C-alpha atoms as a PDB file:
ATOM      1  CA  MET A   1     -41.454-224.294  18.359  1.00  0.00           C
ATOM      2  CA  PRO A   2     -38.971-224.121  14.502  1.00  0.00           C
ATOM      3  CA  SER A   3     -38.683-227.003  12.882  1.00  0.00           C
ATOM      4  CA  VAL A   4     -35.264-229.134  12.134  1.00  0.00           C
ATOM      5  CA  MET A   5     -35.795-228.424   8.298  1.00  0.00           C
ATOM      6  CA  GLY A   6     -36.177-224.673   9.162  1.00  0.00           C
ATOM      7  CA  LEU A   7     -33.309-224.257  11.007  1.00  0.00           C
ATOM      8  CA  LEU A   8     -31.064-225.654   8.109  1.00  0.00           C
ATOM      9  CA  GLU A   9     -32.745-223.589   5.055  1.00  0.00           C
ATOM     10  CA  GLU A  10     -31.958-220.182   7.136  1.00  0.00           C
ATOM     11  CA  ARG A  11     -28.716-221.637   8.120  1.00  0.00           C
ATOM     12  CA  GLU A  12     -27.973-222.513   4.083  1.00  0.00           C
ATOM     13  CA  ARG A  13     -29.740-219.127   3.219  1.00  0.00           C
ATOM     14  CA  VAL A  14     -26.572-217.386   5.773  1.00  0.00           C
ATOM     15  CA  ALA A  15     -24.199-219.320   4.757  1.00  0.00           C
ATOM     16  CA  ARG A  16     -24.955-218.549   0.483  1.00  0.00           C
ATOM     17  CA  GLN A  17     -25.235-214.239   1.483  1.00  0.00           C
ATOM     18  CA  ARG A  18     -21.655-215.190   3.013  1.00  0.00           C
ATOM     19  CA  VAL A  19     -20.274-217.061   0.100  1.00  0.00           C
ATOM     20  CA  ASP A  20     -21.786-214.486  -2.564  1.00  0.00           C
ATOM     21  CA  ALA A  21     -20.090-211.982  -0.334  1.00  0.00           C
ATOM     22  CA  LEU A  22     -17.142-213.481   0.009  1.00  0.00           C
ATOM     23  CA  GLN A  23     -16.723-213.875  -4.277  1.00  0.00           C
ATOM     24  CA  ALA A  24     -17.685-210.220  -4.478  1.00  0.00           C
ATOM     25  CA  GLU A  25     -14.546-209.277  -2.431  1.00  0.00           C
ATOM     26  CA  LEU A  26     -12.716-212.076  -3.972  1.00  0.00           C
ATOM     27  CA  ARG A  27     -13.522-210.085  -7.388  1.00  0.00           C
ATOM     28  CA  GLU A  28     -12.787-206.533  -6.366  1.00  0.00           C
ATOM     29  CA  ALA A  29      -9.551-208.021  -4.956  1.00  0.00           C
ATOM     30  CA  GLU A  30      -8.246-209.665  -8.506  1.00  0.00           C
ATOM     31  CA  ALA A  31      -9.477-206.176 -10.230  1.00  0.00           C
ATOM     32  CA  VAL A  32      -6.940-204.084  -7.866  1.00  0.00           C
ATOM     33  CA  TRP A  33      -4.281-207.177  -8.476  1.00  0.00           C
ATOM     34  CA  GLU A  34      -4.474-207.052 -12.102  1.00  0.00           C
ATOM     35  CA  ARG A  35      -4.285-203.151 -12.445  1.00  0.00           C
ATOM     36  CA  PHE A  36      -1.161-203.581 -10.340  1.00  0.00           C
ATOM     37  CA  VAL A  37       0.474-205.913 -12.596  1.00  0.00           C
ATOM     38  CA  ILE A  38      -0.756-204.222 -15.679  1.00  0.00           C
ATOM     39  CA  ALA A  39       1.029-200.632 -14.174  1.00  0.00           C
ATOM     40  CA  ARG A  40       4.480-203.047 -13.270  1.00  0.00           C
ATOM     41  CA  GLU A  41       4.519-203.882 -16.734  1.00  0.00           C
ATOM     42  CA  THR A  42       3.734-201.137 -18.043  1.00  0.00           C
ATOM     43  CA  VAL A  43       6.348-199.221 -15.930  1.00  0.00           C
ATOM     44  CA  GLY A  44       8.949-201.697 -17.290  1.00  0.00           C
ATOM     45  CA  GLU A  45       8.237-201.590 -21.159  1.00  0.00           C
ATOM     46  CA  VAL A  46       8.459-197.646 -20.540  1.00  0.00           C
ATOM     47  CA  LEU A  47      11.622-197.898 -18.880  1.00  0.00           C
ATOM     48  CA  ALA A  48      12.617-200.371 -21.620  1.00  0.00           C
ATOM     49  CA  GLU A  49      12.602-197.826 -24.567  1.00  0.00           C
ATOM     50  CA  PRO A  50      15.593-195.718 -25.830  1.00  0.00           C
ATOM     51  CA  ARG A  51      14.752-192.190 -24.816  1.00  0.00           C
ATOM     52  CA  GLY A  52      15.791-190.218 -28.699  1.00  0.00           C
ATOM     53  CA  GLY A  53      19.569-190.963 -29.344  1.00  0.00           C
ATOM     54  CA  GLU A  54      20.267-189.952 -25.872  1.00  0.00           C
ATOM     55  CA  ASP A  55      22.754-192.231 -23.872  1.00  0.00           C
ATOM     56  CA  VAL A  56      20.853-194.827 -21.328  1.00  0.00           C
ATOM     57  CA  VAL A  57      22.734-197.295 -18.985  1.00  0.00           C
ATOM     58  CA  PRO A  58      21.319-200.777 -18.238  1.00  0.00           C
ATOM     59  CA  VAL A  59      20.319-200.781 -14.782  1.00  0.00           C
ATOM     60  CA  VAL A  60      18.187-203.911 -13.674  1.00  0.00           C
ATOM     61  CA  VAL A  61      15.983-206.705 -15.483  1.00  0.00           C
ATOM     62  CA  ALA A  62      12.804-207.143 -15.547  1.00  0.00           C
ATOM     63  CA  GLY A  63      12.192-210.638 -15.818  1.00  0.00           C
ATOM     64  CA  GLU A  64      14.202-211.425 -19.409  1.00  0.00           C
ATOM     65  CA  ARG A  65      14.749-208.294 -20.761  1.00  0.00           C
ATOM     66  CA  PRO A  66      16.791-205.647 -19.179  1.00  0.00           C
ATOM     67  CA  VAL A  67      15.450-202.344 -18.527  1.00  0.00           C
ATOM     68  CA  GLN A  68      17.287-199.272 -19.014  1.00  0.00           C
ATOM     69  CA  VAL A  69      16.911-195.624 -17.961  1.00  0.00           C
ATOM     70  CA  ARG A  70      19.074-192.233 -18.510  1.00  0.00           C
ATOM     71  CA  GLN A  71      18.950-191.914 -14.433  1.00  0.00           C
ATOM     72  CA  ALA A  72      17.264-192.971 -11.570  1.00  0.00           C
ATOM     73  CA  VAL A  73      14.037-191.297  -9.940  1.00  0.00           C
ATOM     74  CA  PRO A  74      12.755-191.127  -6.210  1.00  0.00           C
ATOM     75  CA  GLY A  75      12.014-194.742  -5.642  1.00  0.00           C
ATOM     76  CA  SER A  76      13.989-196.610  -7.639  1.00  0.00           C
ATOM     77  CA  VAL A  77      15.683-200.038  -7.190  1.00  0.00           C
ATOM     78  CA  VAL A  78      18.898-199.795  -6.406  1.00  0.00           C
ATOM     79  CA  PRO A  79      21.190-201.871  -8.853  1.00  0.00           C
ATOM     80  CA  HIS A  80      24.287-204.106  -7.374  1.00  0.00           C
ATOM     81  CA  TRP A  81      27.045-202.422  -8.289  1.00  0.00           C
ATOM     82  CA  GLU A  82      29.766-203.374 -11.513  1.00  0.00           C
ATOM     83  CA  ALA A  83      32.392-201.614 -13.158  1.00  0.00           C
ATOM     84  CA  GLY A  84      31.055-198.773 -15.166  1.00  0.00           C
ATOM     85  CA  LEU A  85      28.027-197.911 -13.158  1.00  0.00           C
ATOM     86  CA  ALA A  86      28.347-194.409 -11.603  1.00  0.00           C
ATOM     87  CA  PRO A  87      26.173-193.258  -8.411  1.00  0.00           C
ATOM     88  CA  ALA A  88      24.256-190.786 -11.620  1.00  0.00           C
ATOM     89  CA  VAL A  89      21.828-194.042 -12.132  1.00  0.00           C
ATOM     90  CA  LEU A  90      21.030-194.259  -7.922  1.00  0.00           C
ATOM     91  CA  ALA A  91      17.895-192.537  -6.987  1.00  0.00           C
ATOM     92  CA  PRO A  92      18.660-189.120  -5.408  1.00  0.00           C
ATOM     93  CA  ASP A  93      18.417-189.842  -2.264  1.00  0.00           C
ATOM     94  CA  TYR A  94      21.689-192.390  -2.536  1.00  0.00           C
ATOM     95  CA  GLN A  95      22.939-190.088  -4.546  1.00  0.00           C
ATOM     96  CA  GLN A  96      23.916-187.483  -1.900  1.00  0.00           C
ATOM     97  CA  ILE A  97      24.722-190.349   0.488  1.00  0.00           C
ATOM     98  CA  MET A  98      27.613-191.206  -1.646  1.00  0.00           C
ATOM     99  CA  ASP A  99      28.005-187.672  -2.199  1.00  0.00           C
ATOM    100  CA  VAL A 100      28.693-187.134   1.249  1.00  0.00           C
ATOM    101  CA  LEU A 101      30.822-190.083   1.694  1.00  0.00           C
ATOM    102  CA  ALA A 102      32.831-189.670  -1.200  1.00  0.00           C
ATOM    103  CA  GLY A 103      34.170-186.308  -0.606  1.00  0.00           C
ATOM    104  CA  GLY A 104      31.161-183.652  -0.654  1.00  0.00           C
ATOM    105  CA  ASN A 105      31.117-182.640   2.737  1.00  0.00           C
ATOM    106  CA  GLY A 106      35.300-181.491   2.734  1.00  0.00           C
ATOM    107  CA  MET A 107      36.153-185.398   4.479  1.00  0.00           C
ATOM    108  CA  ARG A 108      37.216-187.102   1.583  1.00  0.00           C
ATOM    109  CA  GLY A 109      37.099-190.967   1.969  1.00  0.00           C
ATOM    110  CA  GLU A 110      36.615-190.531   5.962  1.00  0.00           C
ATOM    111  CA  ALA A 111      33.786-193.525   7.091  1.00  0.00           C
ATOM    112  CA  MET A 112      31.272-192.255   8.813  1.00  0.00           C
ATOM    113  CA  ASP A 113      28.568-193.329  11.326  1.00  0.00           C
ATOM    114  CA  CYS A 114      24.664-192.686  10.618  1.00  0.00           C
ATOM    115  CA  ARG A 115      24.636-189.983  12.421  1.00  0.00           C
ATOM    116  CA  GLN A 116      27.840-188.139  11.177  1.00  0.00           C
ATOM    117  CA  LEU A 117      26.288-189.006   7.279  1.00  0.00           C
ATOM    118  CA  ALA A 118      22.376-187.758   8.351  1.00  0.00           C
ATOM    119  CA  ALA A 119      24.389-184.657   9.388  1.00  0.00           C
ATOM    120  CA  GLY A 120      25.957-184.498   5.952  1.00  0.00           C
ATOM    121  CA  LEU A 121      22.724-184.670   4.804  1.00  0.00           C
ATOM    122  CA  ARG A 122      21.556-181.439   6.775  1.00  0.00           C
ATOM    123  CA  LEU A 123      18.914-183.893   8.447  1.00  0.00           C
ATOM    124  CA  GLU A 124      17.828-183.129  11.798  1.00  0.00           C
ATOM    125  CA  PRO A 125      19.926-185.939  14.417  1.00  0.00           C
ATOM    126  CA  VAL A 126      16.492-187.438  15.562  1.00  0.00           C
ATOM    127  CA  PRO A 127      16.250-191.099  15.492  1.00  0.00           C
ATOM    128  CA  ALA A 128      13.917-191.618  12.978  1.00  0.00           C
ATOM    129  CA  LYS A 129      16.193-189.353  10.377  1.00  0.00           C
ATOM    130  CA  VAL A 130      19.415-191.290  11.320  1.00  0.00           C
ATOM    131  CA  GLU A 131      17.531-195.079  10.921  1.00  0.00           C
ATOM    132  CA  GLY A 132      16.153-193.973   7.646  1.00  0.00           C
ATOM    133  CA  VAL A 133      19.950-193.075   6.541  1.00  0.00           C
ATOM    134  CA  ARG A 134      20.904-196.111   8.107  1.00  0.00           C
ATOM    135  CA  SER A 135      18.576-198.689   6.091  1.00  0.00           C
ATOM    136  CA  LYS A 136      19.767-196.391   2.979  1.00  0.00           C
ATOM    137  CA  ALA A 137      23.372-197.442   3.591  1.00  0.00           C
ATOM    138  CA  LYS A 138      23.021-200.595   4.529  1.00  0.00           C
ATOM    139  CA  ARG A 139      20.818-201.051   1.008  1.00  0.00           C
ATOM    140  CA  LEU A 140      24.046-199.969  -0.710  1.00  0.00           C
ATOM    141  CA  ALA A 141      26.329-202.042   1.312  1.00  0.00           C
ATOM    142  CA  ALA A 142      24.758-204.612   0.407  1.00  0.00           C
ATOM    143  CA  ARG A 143      24.822-204.127  -3.276  1.00  0.00           C
ATOM    144  CA  GLY A 144      28.572-203.312  -3.358  1.00  0.00           C
ATOM    145  CA  TRP A 145      28.200-199.601  -3.724  1.00  0.00           C
ATOM    146  CA  LEU A 146      29.674-198.750   0.023  1.00  0.00           C
ATOM    147  CA  ALA A 147      31.743-200.934   2.265  1.00  0.00           C
ATOM    148  CA  GLU A 148      30.623-201.226   5.947  1.00  0.00           C
ATOM    149  CA  GLU A 149      34.312-201.147   7.756  1.00  0.00           C
ATOM    150  CA  ARG A 150      32.525-202.012  10.885  1.00  0.00           C
ATOM    151  CA  PRO A 151      28.751-202.008  11.766  1.00  0.00           C
ATOM    152  CA  GLY A 152      27.513-198.780  11.267  1.00  0.00           C
ATOM    153  CA  LEU A 153      30.673-197.523   9.404  1.00  0.00           C
ATOM    154  CA  PHE A 154      29.793-196.436   6.385  1.00  0.00           C
ATOM    155  CA  SER A 155      32.440-195.373   3.578  1.00  0.00           C
ATOM    156  CA  VAL A 156      32.826-194.938  -0.483  1.00  0.00           C
ATOM    157  CA  PRO A 157      35.412-198.070  -1.528  1.00  0.00           C
ATOM    158  CA  VAL A 158      38.371-196.389  -4.202  1.00  0.00           C
ATOM    159  CA  GLY A 159      36.685-196.283  -7.485  1.00  0.00           C
ATOM    160  CA  ARG A 160      32.908-196.128  -6.688  1.00  0.00           C
ATOM    161  CA  GLY A 161      32.466-192.445  -5.408  1.00  0.00           C
ATOM    162  CA  GLY A 162      32.925-189.030  -7.162  1.00  0.00           C
ATOM    163  CA  GLY A 163      29.971-187.414  -6.850  1.00  0.00           C
ATOM    164  CA  SER A 164      27.025-187.953  -9.322  1.00  0.00           C
END
């Protein structure tokens, strides 16, 4: 029969191994986190630099300084609408939604539901595609680019369309 001290030493050894493994995992997670922080800061700095005399439009604020971009890229943040901002500051998917609603589909100024909008974007009218359009339209409405006349029915307020 093992001694009590032997059992305690064995449990202490197992606990120490677990602590060492968790500390190694924590160090690895912190290294990954640091890389993301550095990447985000670097992208913010790159976007803040003017591009060789081109006109740049302020889009979003990162921390205390404005980040300026010439035009948006896929996956970029949808800025809140304010006077003077054109749809060109939106990511391409959002620009297409604005274009369809502003008249790029021949139905100038008419409100559309998400199925009609998906069809105007030449997407298959399957639930996954329609829901993707719905989430983008809701985001545009929440940030002032679109009006949601009633739930699920979107239009471009006067002065915010005009294509990209």
